[in-house]
Amino acid sequence: MQIFQDENLEAVELLERPWSGEKLLEVRTGKVRPVFGINVQCAIFKNVRPGPVTVNKLGCEGDQDATLHYHRWKEEIPQSAYLFVLGGFWENLVAKYANERNISIGDIVQIGTIIAPVTVPRQPRFKLNHRFQAKDIMSKRSQDLFRAGWLYPILKEGMVQAGDDMTLLERPNPEWTIAKVQHYLYHDMQNEKAMKQLVEVDELGAEARAIFANRLKKQHED
């Protein structure tokens, strides 16, 4: 997997340490509203929920729509350092150690009383550029450095709150970390061998598998 020249090797090794669980730091939710003075509405600003929050198939109650990264962002884009705070990437569940290099597609995680699988990397959005006042930088950079996050669909509904245990229950695809899948989504996009393997990963979200399948089809047509 590509390591970019400005990536600190020691920091990467820290991110790649095996993960099997930790305490949930925060739960955050937010409402859709106009933002950034442009013609767009989103729920990018998330507020801390101090008590138990119900989580169902649609997500966290009161919501619409990996913290080791924040210190790095502050160093890399110092002019926007004050904006890199927990929840800045509109995450609902905030943890310290879980990240794209040690979480894999298909991981099943229990958080509080909910159970959720990891299915697909999040796609960086242009709104990040506005959120962090770093025009044309943040969206691409979060993609290039594998810091876009991932999605948890809900298998078992329940409650979560700060301080709950996050526990890895199953890991069927340890070789397919979020970062590795992002690498083939955004960088090594013509790797036929990897794409053939990824379309067979049942736990990978249908949208991502369709992207790889379409690329394979196009290669064969060409």
C-alpha atoms as a PDB file:
ATOM      1  CA  MET A   1       0.000   0.000   0.000  1.00  0.00           C
ATOM      2  CA  GLN A   2       1.286   3.425  -0.907  1.00  0.00           C
ATOM      3  CA  ILE A   3       3.019   5.431   1.822  1.00  0.00           C
ATOM      4  CA  PHE A   4       3.174   9.108   0.902  1.00  0.00           C
ATOM      5  CA  GLN A   5       6.423  11.017   1.295  1.00  0.00           C
ATOM      6  CA  ASP A   6       4.997  13.330   3.939  1.00  0.00           C
ATOM      7  CA  GLU A   7       3.701  10.426   6.022  1.00  0.00           C
ATOM      8  CA  ASN A   8       5.717   9.873   9.187  1.00  0.00           C
ATOM      9  CA  LEU A   9       6.654   6.184   9.308  1.00  0.00           C
ATOM     10  CA  GLU A  10       6.474   6.056  13.105  1.00  0.00           C
ATOM     11  CA  ALA A  11       2.968   7.518  13.029  1.00  0.00           C
ATOM     12  CA  VAL A  12       1.878   4.999  10.389  1.00  0.00           C
ATOM     13  CA  GLU A  13       3.212   2.129  12.509  1.00  0.00           C
ATOM     14  CA  LEU A  14       1.181   3.440  15.459  1.00  0.00           C
ATOM     15  CA  LEU A  15      -1.968   3.518  13.333  1.00  0.00           C
ATOM     16  CA  GLU A  16      -1.364  -0.045  12.144  1.00  0.00           C
ATOM     17  CA  ARG A  17      -1.174  -1.554  15.633  1.00  0.00           C
ATOM     18  CA  PRO A  18      -3.726  -4.382  15.957  1.00  0.00           C
ATOM     19  CA  TRP A  19      -7.125  -3.298  17.272  1.00  0.00           C
ATOM     20  CA  SER A  20      -9.537  -5.474  19.212  1.00  0.00           C
ATOM     21  CA  GLY A  21     -11.424  -2.893  21.234  1.00  0.00           C
ATOM     22  CA  GLU A  22     -11.377   0.230  23.417  1.00  0.00           C
ATOM     23  CA  LYS A  23     -13.716   2.640  25.200  1.00  0.00           C
ATOM     24  CA  LEU A  24     -16.039   4.848  23.182  1.00  0.00           C
ATOM     25  CA  LEU A  25     -14.987   8.462  23.750  1.00  0.00           C
ATOM     26  CA  GLU A  26     -18.031  10.353  22.502  1.00  0.00           C
ATOM     27  CA  VAL A  27     -21.381  10.051  20.762  1.00  0.00           C
ATOM     28  CA  ARG A  28     -22.300  12.989  18.499  1.00  0.00           C
ATOM     29  CA  THR A  29     -25.392  13.906  16.489  1.00  0.00           C
ATOM     30  CA  GLY A  30     -26.472  16.863  14.388  1.00  0.00           C
ATOM     31  CA  LYS A  31     -29.297  18.302  12.311  1.00  0.00           C
ATOM     32  CA  VAL A  32     -29.276  19.248   8.648  1.00  0.00           C
ATOM     33  CA  ARG A  33     -28.960  23.010   8.176  1.00  0.00           C
ATOM     34  CA  PRO A  34     -27.545  25.567   5.718  1.00  0.00           C
ATOM     35  CA  VAL A  35     -23.766  25.849   6.057  1.00  0.00           C
ATOM     36  CA  PHE A  36     -20.733  27.766   4.797  1.00  0.00           C
ATOM     37  CA  GLY A  37     -22.764  30.451   3.014  1.00  0.00           C
ATOM     38  CA  ILE A  38     -23.132  28.280  -0.074  1.00  0.00           C
ATOM     39  CA  ASN A  39     -26.197  26.652  -1.613  1.00  0.00           C
ATOM     40  CA  VAL A  40     -25.915  23.428   0.358  1.00  0.00           C
ATOM     41  CA  GLN A  41     -27.399  21.890   3.487  1.00  0.00           C
ATOM     42  CA  CYS A  42     -25.800  19.165   5.566  1.00  0.00           C
ATOM     43  CA  ALA A  43     -25.328  17.891   9.124  1.00  0.00           C
ATOM     44  CA  ILE A  44     -21.560  18.317   9.248  1.00  0.00           C
ATOM     45  CA  PHE A  45     -21.642  19.955  12.692  1.00  0.00           C
ATOM     46  CA  LYS A  46     -22.207  17.303  15.368  1.00  0.00           C
ATOM     47  CA  ASN A  47     -22.827  17.991  19.067  1.00  0.00           C
ATOM     48  CA  VAL A  48     -21.801  15.762  21.976  1.00  0.00           C
ATOM     49  CA  ARG A  49     -24.626  13.702  23.475  1.00  0.00           C
ATOM     50  CA  PRO A  50     -23.908  13.314  27.213  1.00  0.00           C
ATOM     51  CA  GLY A  51     -26.220  10.384  27.977  1.00  0.00           C
ATOM     52  CA  PRO A  52     -27.422   7.162  26.355  1.00  0.00           C
ATOM     53  CA  VAL A  53     -28.413   7.465  22.694  1.00  0.00           C
ATOM     54  CA  THR A  54     -30.756   5.090  20.897  1.00  0.00           C
ATOM     55  CA  VAL A  55     -29.314   3.627  17.692  1.00  0.00           C
ATOM     56  CA  ASN A  56     -31.579   1.946  15.144  1.00  0.00           C
ATOM     57  CA  LYS A  57     -31.314   0.890  11.504  1.00  0.00           C
ATOM     58  CA  LEU A  58     -31.539   4.541  10.442  1.00  0.00           C
ATOM     59  CA  GLY A  59     -28.712   5.666  12.719  1.00  0.00           C
ATOM     60  CA  CYS A  60     -28.403   7.608  15.958  1.00  0.00           C
ATOM     61  CA  GLU A  61     -31.542   9.154  17.444  1.00  0.00           C
ATOM     62  CA  GLY A  62     -31.489  12.894  16.849  1.00  0.00           C
ATOM     63  CA  ASP A  63     -29.038  12.644  13.960  1.00  0.00           C
ATOM     64  CA  GLN A  64     -29.514  13.439  10.306  1.00  0.00           C
ATOM     65  CA  ASP A  65     -27.662  12.318   7.528  1.00  0.00           C
ATOM     66  CA  ALA A  66     -10.671   8.104  14.735  1.00  0.00           C
ATOM     67  CA  THR A  67      -9.018  10.571  16.811  1.00  0.00           C
ATOM     68  CA  LEU A  68      -5.312   9.984  16.237  1.00  0.00           C
ATOM     69  CA  HIS A  69      -5.790  11.840  12.969  1.00  0.00           C
ATOM     70  CA  TYR A  70      -6.685  15.191  14.510  1.00  0.00           C
ATOM     71  CA  HIS A  71      -3.202  15.932  15.878  1.00  0.00           C
ATOM     72  CA  ARG A  72      -1.703  15.179  12.475  1.00  0.00           C
ATOM     73  CA  TRP A  73      -4.172  17.446  10.695  1.00  0.00           C
ATOM     74  CA  LYS A  74      -3.285  20.329  13.024  1.00  0.00           C
ATOM     75  CA  GLU A  75       0.395  19.951  12.164  1.00  0.00           C
ATOM     76  CA  GLU A  76      -0.197  19.613   8.431  1.00  0.00           C
ATOM     77  CA  ILE A  77      -2.690  22.487   8.027  1.00  0.00           C
ATOM     78  CA  PRO A  78      -1.796  24.839  10.903  1.00  0.00           C
ATOM     79  CA  GLN A  79      -3.860  27.744   9.559  1.00  0.00           C
ATOM     80  CA  SER A  80      -6.987  25.688  10.317  1.00  0.00           C
ATOM     81  CA  ALA A  81      -5.704  23.999  13.490  1.00  0.00           C
ATOM     82  CA  TYR A  82      -8.451  25.467  15.685  1.00  0.00           C
ATOM     83  CA  LEU A  83     -11.076  23.703  13.553  1.00  0.00           C
ATOM     84  CA  PHE A  84      -9.648  20.205  13.994  1.00  0.00           C
ATOM     85  CA  VAL A  85     -11.686  19.159  17.026  1.00  0.00           C
ATOM     86  CA  LEU A  86     -13.579  15.951  17.805  1.00  0.00           C
ATOM     87  CA  GLY A  87     -16.596  15.679  15.554  1.00  0.00           C
ATOM     88  CA  GLY A  88     -14.996  17.833  12.880  1.00  0.00           C
ATOM     89  CA  PHE A  89     -15.459  15.142  10.260  1.00  0.00           C
ATOM     90  CA  TRP A  90     -19.137  14.754  11.325  1.00  0.00           C
ATOM     91  CA  GLU A  91     -18.499  11.384  12.905  1.00  0.00           C
ATOM     92  CA  ASN A  92     -21.190  10.005  15.222  1.00  0.00           C
ATOM     93  CA  LEU A  93     -18.973   7.629  17.208  1.00  0.00           C
ATOM     94  CA  VAL A  94     -15.594   8.888  18.385  1.00  0.00           C
ATOM     95  CA  ALA A  95     -12.792   6.523  19.402  1.00  0.00           C
ATOM     96  CA  LYS A  96      -9.090   7.081  19.964  1.00  0.00           C
ATOM     97  CA  TYR A  97      -7.341   4.106  18.385  1.00  0.00           C
ATOM     98  CA  ALA A  98      -9.670   2.559  15.797  1.00  0.00           C
ATOM     99  CA  ASN A  99      -8.669   3.889  12.372  1.00  0.00           C
ATOM    100  CA  GLU A 100      -8.552   3.036   8.686  1.00  0.00           C
ATOM    101  CA  ARG A 101      -5.315   1.051   8.980  1.00  0.00           C
ATOM    102  CA  ASN A 102      -6.444  -1.332  11.732  1.00  0.00           C
ATOM    103  CA  ILE A 103     -10.163  -1.732  10.945  1.00  0.00           C
ATOM    104  CA  SER A 104     -11.114  -4.166   8.179  1.00  0.00           C
ATOM    105  CA  ILE A 105     -14.091  -4.706   5.900  1.00  0.00           C
ATOM    106  CA  GLY A 106     -16.454  -7.178   7.558  1.00  0.00           C
ATOM    107  CA  ASP A 107     -15.316  -6.476  11.114  1.00  0.00           C
ATOM    108  CA  ILE A 108     -18.263  -6.936  13.453  1.00  0.00           C
ATOM    109  CA  VAL A 109     -18.069  -4.634  16.447  1.00  0.00           C
ATOM    110  CA  GLN A 110     -20.210  -4.394  19.567  1.00  0.00           C
ATOM    111  CA  ILE A 111     -20.534  -0.865  20.929  1.00  0.00           C
ATOM    112  CA  GLY A 112     -22.642  -0.589  24.041  1.00  0.00           C
ATOM    113  CA  THR A 113     -25.599  -2.832  23.230  1.00  0.00           C
ATOM    114  CA  ILE A 114     -25.513  -2.349  19.453  1.00  0.00           C
ATOM    115  CA  ILE A 115     -23.758  -4.661  17.014  1.00  0.00           C
ATOM    116  CA  ALA A 116     -22.514  -3.247  13.717  1.00  0.00           C
ATOM    117  CA  PRO A 117     -20.380  -4.482  10.806  1.00  0.00           C
ATOM    118  CA  VAL A 118     -17.851  -2.417   8.871  1.00  0.00           C
ATOM    119  CA  THR A 119     -18.975  -2.376   5.241  1.00  0.00           C
ATOM    120  CA  VAL A 120     -17.364   0.410   3.249  1.00  0.00           C
ATOM    121  CA  PRO A 121     -14.973   3.376   3.472  1.00  0.00           C
ATOM    122  CA  ARG A 122     -16.586   6.785   3.606  1.00  0.00           C
ATOM    123  CA  GLN A 123     -16.160   8.898   0.505  1.00  0.00           C
ATOM    124  CA  PRO A 124     -14.502  12.274   1.182  1.00  0.00           C
ATOM    125  CA  ARG A 125     -16.817  15.168   0.347  1.00  0.00           C
ATOM    126  CA  PHE A 126     -16.114  18.655  -0.974  1.00  0.00           C
ATOM    127  CA  LYS A 127     -17.755  20.058   2.173  1.00  0.00           C
ATOM    128  CA  LEU A 128     -14.572  19.202   4.085  1.00  0.00           C
ATOM    129  CA  ASN A 129     -12.799  21.962   2.167  1.00  0.00           C
ATOM    130  CA  HIS A 130     -15.328  24.488   3.489  1.00  0.00           C
ATOM    131  CA  ARG A 131     -15.518  22.994   6.983  1.00  0.00           C
ATOM    132  CA  PHE A 132     -11.771  23.412   7.544  1.00  0.00           C
ATOM    133  CA  GLN A 133     -11.336  26.572   5.462  1.00  0.00           C
ATOM    134  CA  ALA A 134      -8.759  24.776   3.326  1.00  0.00           C
ATOM    135  CA  LYS A 135      -9.971  25.179  -0.238  1.00  0.00           C
ATOM    136  CA  ASP A 136      -9.231  22.257  -2.564  1.00  0.00           C
ATOM    137  CA  ILE A 137      -7.089  20.539   0.111  1.00  0.00           C
ATOM    138  CA  MET A 138      -9.047  18.616   2.710  1.00  0.00           C
ATOM    139  CA  SER A 139     -11.245  16.368   0.603  1.00  0.00           C
ATOM    140  CA  LYS A 140      -8.409  15.121  -1.590  1.00  0.00           C
ATOM    141  CA  ARG A 141      -5.918  14.923   1.256  1.00  0.00           C
ATOM    142  CA  SER A 142      -8.217  12.875   3.499  1.00  0.00           C
ATOM    143  CA  GLN A 143      -8.640  10.537   0.536  1.00  0.00           C
ATOM    144  CA  ASP A 144      -4.911  10.379  -0.266  1.00  0.00           C
ATOM    145  CA  LEU A 145      -3.884   9.729   3.346  1.00  0.00           C
ATOM    146  CA  PHE A 146      -6.637   7.175   4.081  1.00  0.00           C
ATOM    147  CA  ARG A 147      -8.387   9.300   6.714  1.00  0.00           C
ATOM    148  CA  ALA A 148     -11.941   9.302   5.405  1.00  0.00           C
ATOM    149  CA  GLY A 149     -13.510   6.953   7.969  1.00  0.00           C
ATOM    150  CA  TRP A 150     -15.987   4.137   7.386  1.00  0.00           C
ATOM    151  CA  LEU A 151     -19.663   3.256   7.759  1.00  0.00           C
ATOM    152  CA  TYR A 152     -21.383   1.035  10.331  1.00  0.00           C
ATOM    153  CA  PRO A 153     -24.797  -0.302   9.270  1.00  0.00           C
ATOM    154  CA  ILE A 154     -26.679  -1.642  12.283  1.00  0.00           C
ATOM    155  CA  LEU A 155     -27.188  -5.376  12.777  1.00  0.00           C
ATOM    156  CA  LYS A 156     -28.589  -5.129  16.304  1.00  0.00           C
ATOM    157  CA  GLU A 157     -30.291  -1.976  17.517  1.00  0.00           C
ATOM    158  CA  GLY A 158     -29.668  -0.703  21.020  1.00  0.00           C
ATOM    159  CA  MET A 159     -28.086   2.074  23.081  1.00  0.00           C
ATOM    160  CA  VAL A 160     -24.648   3.692  23.145  1.00  0.00           C
ATOM    161  CA  GLN A 161     -23.013   6.309  25.318  1.00  0.00           C
ATOM    162  CA  ALA A 162     -19.545   7.642  26.033  1.00  0.00           C
ATOM    163  CA  GLY A 163     -17.508   5.159  28.060  1.00  0.00           C
ATOM    164  CA  ASP A 164     -19.147   2.075  26.548  1.00  0.00           C
ATOM    165  CA  ASP A 165     -16.922  -0.810  25.513  1.00  0.00           C
ATOM    166  CA  MET A 166     -16.133  -1.196  21.824  1.00  0.00           C
ATOM    167  CA  THR A 167     -15.309  -4.871  21.232  1.00  0.00           C
ATOM    168  CA  LEU A 168     -14.254  -6.646  18.048  1.00  0.00           C
ATOM    169  CA  LEU A 169     -16.424  -9.771  17.727  1.00  0.00           C
ATOM    170  CA  GLU A 170     -15.436 -11.077  14.290  1.00  0.00           C
ATOM    171  CA  ARG A 171     -12.805 -10.273  11.654  1.00  0.00           C
ATOM    172  CA  PRO A 172     -13.411 -12.320   8.485  1.00  0.00           C
ATOM    173  CA  ASN A 173     -11.189 -10.222   6.192  1.00  0.00           C
ATOM    174  CA  PRO A 174      -8.106  -9.061   8.127  1.00  0.00           C
ATOM    175  CA  GLU A 175      -6.212  -8.430   4.895  1.00  0.00           C
ATOM    176  CA  TRP A 176      -8.761  -5.890   3.624  1.00  0.00           C
ATOM    177  CA  THR A 177      -8.308  -2.884   5.876  1.00  0.00           C
ATOM    178  CA  ILE A 178     -10.266   0.279   5.149  1.00  0.00           C
ATOM    179  CA  ALA A 179      -7.047   1.967   4.001  1.00  0.00           C
ATOM    180  CA  LYS A 180      -6.223  -0.864   1.616  1.00  0.00           C
ATOM    181  CA  VAL A 181      -9.665  -0.735   0.018  1.00  0.00           C
ATOM    182  CA  GLN A 182      -9.345   3.051  -0.292  1.00  0.00           C
ATOM    183  CA  HIS A 183      -5.999   2.532  -2.010  1.00  0.00           C
ATOM    184  CA  TYR A 184      -7.651   0.506  -4.764  1.00  0.00           C
ATOM    185  CA  LEU A 185     -10.669   2.808  -4.945  1.00  0.00           C
ATOM    186  CA  TYR A 186      -8.682   6.016  -5.426  1.00  0.00           C
ATOM    187  CA  HIS A 187      -5.063   5.240  -6.362  1.00  0.00           C
ATOM    188  CA  ASP A 188      -4.220   1.855  -7.860  1.00  0.00           C
ATOM    189  CA  MET A 189      -7.431   1.825  -9.854  1.00  0.00           C
ATOM    190  CA  GLN A 190      -6.375  -0.587 -12.618  1.00  0.00           C
ATOM    191  CA  ASN A 191      -5.142  -3.447 -10.431  1.00  0.00           C
ATOM    192  CA  GLU A 192      -7.052  -6.349 -11.956  1.00  0.00           C
ATOM    193  CA  LYS A 193      -5.931  -8.928  -9.391  1.00  0.00           C
ATOM    194  CA  ALA A 194      -7.044  -6.810  -6.417  1.00  0.00           C
ATOM    195  CA  MET A 195     -10.346  -5.869  -8.027  1.00  0.00           C
ATOM    196  CA  LYS A 196     -11.189  -9.497  -8.787  1.00  0.00           C
ATOM    197  CA  GLN A 197     -10.620 -10.307  -5.130  1.00  0.00           C
ATOM    198  CA  LEU A 198     -12.619  -7.338  -3.858  1.00  0.00           C
ATOM    199  CA  VAL A 199     -15.746  -8.082  -5.889  1.00  0.00           C
ATOM    200  CA  GLU A 200     -15.828 -11.445  -4.106  1.00  0.00           C
ATOM    201  CA  VAL A 201     -15.724  -9.902  -0.613  1.00  0.00           C
ATOM    202  CA  ASP A 202     -19.365 -10.309   0.398  1.00  0.00           C
ATOM    203  CA  GLU A 203     -19.014  -7.982   3.384  1.00  0.00           C
ATOM    204  CA  LEU A 204     -17.909  -5.058   1.187  1.00  0.00           C
ATOM    205  CA  GLY A 205     -20.740  -2.628   0.464  1.00  0.00           C
ATOM    206  CA  ALA A 206     -22.583  -3.120  -2.825  1.00  0.00           C
ATOM    207  CA  GLU A 207     -21.669   0.346  -4.113  1.00  0.00           C
ATOM    208  CA  ALA A 208     -17.928  -0.268  -3.716  1.00  0.00           C
ATOM    209  CA  ARG A 209     -18.154  -3.744  -5.250  1.00  0.00           C
ATOM    210  CA  ALA A 210     -20.040  -2.257  -8.190  1.00  0.00           C
ATOM    211  CA  ILE A 211     -17.240   0.262  -8.747  1.00  0.00           C
ATOM    212  CA  PHE A 212     -14.666  -2.522  -8.955  1.00  0.00           C
ATOM    213  CA  ALA A 213     -16.927  -4.686 -11.124  1.00  0.00           C
ATOM    214  CA  ASN A 214     -17.482  -1.832 -13.588  1.00  0.00           C
ATOM    215  CA  ARG A 215     -13.755  -1.162 -13.810  1.00  0.00           C
ATOM    216  CA  LEU A 216     -13.095  -4.827 -14.546  1.00  0.00           C
ATOM    217  CA  LYS A 217     -15.789  -4.826 -17.202  1.00  0.00           C
ATOM    218  CA  LYS A 218     -14.311  -1.732 -18.832  1.00  0.00           C
ATOM    219  CA  GLN A 219     -10.821  -3.280 -18.841  1.00  0.00           C
ATOM    220  CA  HIS A 220     -12.116  -6.339 -20.665  1.00  0.00           C
ATOM    221  CA  GLU A 221     -14.084  -4.234 -23.155  1.00  0.00           C
ATOM    222  CA  ASP A 222     -10.996  -2.154 -23.939  1.00  0.00           C
END
